[in-house]
Structure formats: C-alpha cells, structure tokens
N, C-alpha and C. Protein backbone atom coordinates (compact mmCIF):
# COMPACT_ATOMS: atom_id res chain seq x y z
N UNK A 1 72.77 106.80 68.92
CA UNK A 1 72.81 107.73 70.03
C UNK A 1 73.24 106.96 71.29
N UNK A 2 74.24 107.45 72.01
CA UNK A 2 74.69 106.76 73.22
C UNK A 2 73.65 106.81 74.33
N UNK A 3 73.66 105.77 75.15
CA UNK A 3 72.76 105.70 76.30
C UNK A 3 73.16 106.76 77.32
N UNK A 4 72.21 107.61 77.69
CA UNK A 4 72.50 108.69 78.64
C UNK A 4 72.51 108.20 80.08
N UNK A 5 72.04 106.98 80.30
CA UNK A 5 71.98 106.43 81.64
C UNK A 5 72.44 104.96 81.60
N UNK A 6 73.72 104.73 81.28
CA UNK A 6 74.20 103.36 81.12
C UNK A 6 74.34 102.64 82.46
N UNK A 7 74.35 101.31 82.40
CA UNK A 7 74.64 100.54 83.59
C UNK A 7 76.14 100.60 83.84
N UNK A 8 76.53 100.31 85.05
CA UNK A 8 77.96 100.26 85.38
C UNK A 8 78.62 99.16 84.54
N UNK A 9 77.90 98.07 84.31
CA UNK A 9 78.43 96.99 83.47
C UNK A 9 78.71 97.46 82.05
N UNK A 10 77.81 98.28 81.50
CA UNK A 10 78.03 98.83 80.15
C UNK A 10 79.25 99.76 80.15
N UNK A 11 79.38 100.55 81.20
CA UNK A 11 80.55 101.43 81.32
C UNK A 11 81.83 100.61 81.46
N UNK A 12 81.74 99.50 82.19
CA UNK A 12 82.88 98.61 82.37
C UNK A 12 83.28 97.99 81.03
N UNK A 13 82.29 97.54 80.29
CA UNK A 13 82.55 96.94 78.98
C UNK A 13 83.18 97.96 78.02
N UNK A 14 82.76 99.22 78.14
CA UNK A 14 83.29 100.28 77.29
C UNK A 14 84.62 100.82 77.82
N UNK A 15 85.09 100.24 78.91
CA UNK A 15 86.35 100.64 79.56
C UNK A 15 86.32 102.06 80.13
N UNK A 16 85.09 102.53 80.44
CA UNK A 16 84.95 103.83 81.09
C UNK A 16 85.03 103.68 82.60
N UNK A 17 84.86 102.45 83.08
CA UNK A 17 84.99 102.10 84.50
C UNK A 17 85.96 100.93 84.58
N UNK A 18 86.90 101.02 85.50
CA UNK A 18 87.89 99.96 85.64
C UNK A 18 87.46 98.93 86.69
N UNK A 19 88.12 97.80 86.66
CA UNK A 19 87.88 96.77 87.66
C UNK A 19 88.18 97.31 89.06
N UNK A 20 89.23 98.10 89.18
CA UNK A 20 89.59 98.70 90.47
C UNK A 20 88.48 99.62 90.98
N UNK A 21 87.85 100.37 90.09
CA UNK A 21 86.78 101.27 90.50
C UNK A 21 85.54 100.49 90.96
N UNK A 22 85.24 99.40 90.27
CA UNK A 22 84.12 98.55 90.69
C UNK A 22 84.44 97.92 92.04
N UNK A 23 85.66 97.40 92.19
CA UNK A 23 86.07 96.80 93.47
C UNK A 23 86.01 97.83 94.60
N UNK A 24 86.41 99.06 94.33
CA UNK A 24 86.36 100.12 95.35
C UNK A 24 84.91 100.39 95.75
N UNK A 25 84.00 100.36 94.79
CA UNK A 25 82.58 100.57 95.10
C UNK A 25 82.05 99.43 95.97
N UNK A 26 82.44 98.20 95.65
CA UNK A 26 82.02 97.04 96.45
C UNK A 26 82.52 97.19 97.87
N UNK A 27 83.79 97.52 98.03
CA UNK A 27 84.37 97.67 99.37
C UNK A 27 83.71 98.82 100.12
N UNK A 28 83.39 99.91 99.41
CA UNK A 28 82.72 101.05 100.05
C UNK A 28 81.36 100.63 100.58
N UNK A 29 80.61 99.85 99.79
CA UNK A 29 79.31 99.39 100.25
C UNK A 29 79.45 98.46 101.44
N UNK A 30 80.38 97.51 101.36
CA UNK A 30 80.54 96.54 102.45
C UNK A 30 80.98 97.23 103.75
N UNK A 31 81.75 98.30 103.63
CA UNK A 31 82.20 99.04 104.82
C UNK A 31 81.09 99.91 105.39
N UNK A 32 80.24 100.43 104.50
CA UNK A 32 79.18 101.35 104.93
C UNK A 32 77.97 101.16 104.00
N UNK A 33 77.08 100.20 104.31
CA UNK A 33 75.96 99.88 103.43
C UNK A 33 75.00 101.03 103.12
N UNK A 34 75.01 102.05 103.93
CA UNK A 34 74.10 103.17 103.66
C UNK A 34 74.69 104.19 102.69
N UNK A 35 75.85 103.89 102.10
CA UNK A 35 76.50 104.80 101.15
C UNK A 35 75.56 105.11 100.00
N UNK A 36 75.37 106.41 99.75
CA UNK A 36 74.50 106.77 98.64
C UNK A 36 75.31 107.23 97.43
N UNK A 37 75.76 108.43 97.38
CA UNK A 37 76.48 108.94 96.21
C UNK A 37 77.95 108.54 96.27
N UNK A 38 78.31 107.55 95.48
CA UNK A 38 79.70 107.09 95.40
C UNK A 38 80.21 107.35 93.99
N UNK A 39 81.31 108.09 93.84
CA UNK A 39 81.85 108.32 92.49
C UNK A 39 82.40 107.00 91.93
N UNK A 40 81.82 106.54 90.84
CA UNK A 40 82.23 105.26 90.27
C UNK A 40 83.28 105.46 89.18
N UNK A 41 83.19 106.55 88.46
CA UNK A 41 84.16 106.87 87.40
C UNK A 41 84.00 108.35 87.08
N UNK A 42 84.90 108.86 86.27
CA UNK A 42 84.87 110.28 85.92
C UNK A 42 83.51 110.65 85.33
N UNK A 43 82.78 111.49 86.05
CA UNK A 43 81.49 111.95 85.57
C UNK A 43 80.31 111.07 85.95
N UNK A 44 80.56 109.98 86.65
CA UNK A 44 79.49 109.06 87.03
C UNK A 44 79.55 108.78 88.52
N UNK A 45 78.38 108.73 89.13
CA UNK A 45 78.30 108.31 90.52
C UNK A 45 77.15 107.33 90.65
N UNK A 46 77.12 106.63 91.78
CA UNK A 46 76.14 105.57 91.96
C UNK A 46 75.68 105.55 93.40
N UNK A 47 74.39 105.40 93.61
CA UNK A 47 73.82 105.23 94.93
C UNK A 47 73.98 103.76 95.27
N UNK A 48 75.00 103.43 96.02
CA UNK A 48 75.32 102.03 96.32
C UNK A 48 74.21 101.36 97.11
N UNK A 49 73.66 102.04 98.10
CA UNK A 49 72.60 101.46 98.92
C UNK A 49 71.39 101.12 98.05
N UNK A 50 71.02 102.01 97.15
CA UNK A 50 69.88 101.76 96.27
C UNK A 50 70.18 100.64 95.28
N UNK A 51 71.42 100.59 94.77
CA UNK A 51 71.78 99.55 93.81
C UNK A 51 71.59 98.17 94.42
N UNK A 52 72.01 97.99 95.64
CA UNK A 52 71.87 96.69 96.30
C UNK A 52 70.41 96.45 96.70
N UNK A 53 69.74 97.46 97.21
CA UNK A 53 68.34 97.32 97.63
C UNK A 53 67.44 96.95 96.46
N UNK A 54 67.74 97.47 95.29
CA UNK A 54 66.91 97.22 94.11
C UNK A 54 67.19 95.87 93.45
N UNK A 55 68.25 95.22 93.87
CA UNK A 55 68.59 93.90 93.33
C UNK A 55 68.19 92.87 94.37
N UNK A 56 67.08 92.18 94.12
CA UNK A 56 66.49 91.27 95.10
C UNK A 56 67.46 90.26 95.69
N UNK A 57 68.19 89.57 94.83
CA UNK A 57 69.11 88.53 95.31
C UNK A 57 70.22 89.14 96.16
N UNK A 58 70.80 90.23 95.69
CA UNK A 58 71.90 90.85 96.43
C UNK A 58 71.43 91.33 97.80
N UNK A 59 70.26 91.94 97.86
CA UNK A 59 69.79 92.43 99.15
C UNK A 59 69.50 91.28 100.11
N UNK A 60 69.03 90.14 99.61
CA UNK A 60 68.82 88.98 100.46
C UNK A 60 70.14 88.40 100.96
N UNK A 61 71.12 88.34 100.08
CA UNK A 61 72.43 87.78 100.45
C UNK A 61 73.09 88.63 101.53
N UNK A 62 73.11 89.94 101.34
CA UNK A 62 73.81 90.78 102.33
C UNK A 62 73.06 90.84 103.66
N UNK A 63 71.76 90.60 103.63
CA UNK A 63 70.98 90.62 104.88
C UNK A 63 71.10 89.30 105.65
N UNK A 64 71.55 88.25 104.99
CA UNK A 64 71.64 86.94 105.62
C UNK A 64 72.95 86.81 106.39
N UNK A 65 72.91 86.70 107.70
CA UNK A 65 74.15 86.59 108.48
C UNK A 65 74.94 85.31 108.19
N UNK A 66 74.30 84.34 107.57
CA UNK A 66 75.00 83.09 107.24
C UNK A 66 75.72 83.14 105.90
N UNK A 67 75.51 84.21 105.13
CA UNK A 67 76.20 84.36 103.85
C UNK A 67 77.68 84.60 104.08
N UNK A 68 78.50 83.95 103.31
CA UNK A 68 79.95 84.12 103.43
C UNK A 68 80.36 85.50 102.91
N UNK A 69 81.50 86.00 103.37
CA UNK A 69 81.98 87.29 102.87
C UNK A 69 82.17 87.29 101.35
N UNK A 70 82.64 86.18 100.80
CA UNK A 70 82.83 86.08 99.36
C UNK A 70 81.53 86.16 98.59
N UNK A 71 80.50 85.50 99.11
CA UNK A 71 79.19 85.54 98.47
C UNK A 71 78.61 86.95 98.55
N UNK A 72 78.77 87.60 99.69
CA UNK A 72 78.29 88.97 99.83
C UNK A 72 78.99 89.89 98.84
N UNK A 73 80.30 89.73 98.72
CA UNK A 73 81.09 90.55 97.80
C UNK A 73 80.60 90.34 96.36
N UNK A 74 80.37 89.10 95.98
CA UNK A 74 79.91 88.80 94.62
C UNK A 74 78.51 89.36 94.36
N UNK A 75 77.64 89.25 95.35
CA UNK A 75 76.27 89.76 95.20
C UNK A 75 76.28 91.28 95.04
N UNK A 76 77.09 91.95 95.85
CA UNK A 76 77.17 93.41 95.76
C UNK A 76 77.77 93.82 94.41
N UNK A 77 78.78 93.13 93.96
CA UNK A 77 79.40 93.43 92.68
C UNK A 77 78.38 93.28 91.54
N UNK A 78 77.59 92.21 91.59
CA UNK A 78 76.56 92.00 90.58
C UNK A 78 75.55 93.14 90.58
N UNK A 79 75.09 93.53 91.76
CA UNK A 79 74.12 94.62 91.87
C UNK A 79 74.70 95.92 91.33
N UNK A 80 75.96 96.18 91.62
CA UNK A 80 76.61 97.40 91.14
C UNK A 80 76.74 97.38 89.62
N UNK A 81 77.16 96.27 89.06
CA UNK A 81 77.31 96.19 87.61
C UNK A 81 75.99 96.34 86.87
N UNK A 82 74.90 95.91 87.48
CA UNK A 82 73.59 96.02 86.84
C UNK A 82 72.89 97.36 87.08
N UNK A 83 73.42 98.14 88.01
CA UNK A 83 72.81 99.44 88.34
C UNK A 83 73.15 100.49 87.28
N UNK A 84 72.25 101.44 87.17
CA UNK A 84 72.49 102.56 86.25
C UNK A 84 73.26 103.66 86.97
N UNK A 85 74.30 104.12 86.33
CA UNK A 85 75.17 105.15 86.92
C UNK A 85 74.53 106.52 86.81
C-alpha cells in the first residue's frame, strides 16, 4: 500500500517531484519565510514555514545571521526534503 503522506524526498526519489520544484520551494521560503501552503508538485503542497521550524538544525541555521546564503539554502532544502507533503 502506498504511503498516503510521503516525504518530499520520497516523492523526489519516485520522480513525482522534480529538482526544479524543490529548488522553487527553497527560493520561496528564502524570499518569504512565513510561506505556508506552497504547491510542491501536482496534488501536493507543503507548509514551508512549518517544514523549516520542525527541523531543528535548519531553523537554527536560518535564524543565525552569520550563516552563509549557501548554508541557509542547503538547510532549507534538507528540511523540505524531510517534510511530509
């Protein structure tokens, strides 16, 4: 039986979510961290703010003004891939 609540990473692995869609979600969060319902792929959306807030490391990285933009981008991407769509 398929998982009714897969992670974005599982959807990515199954090719239901593209790299471009994940990158767009990362950019959407970085542009507006309070973004909640973001369409990640056909039939799936993700609360970007909650995804980052629920990932301890990512939330610490984005809150740290000394974190580089690249590190912030990687942390947000990780949080998004681990979040359930």
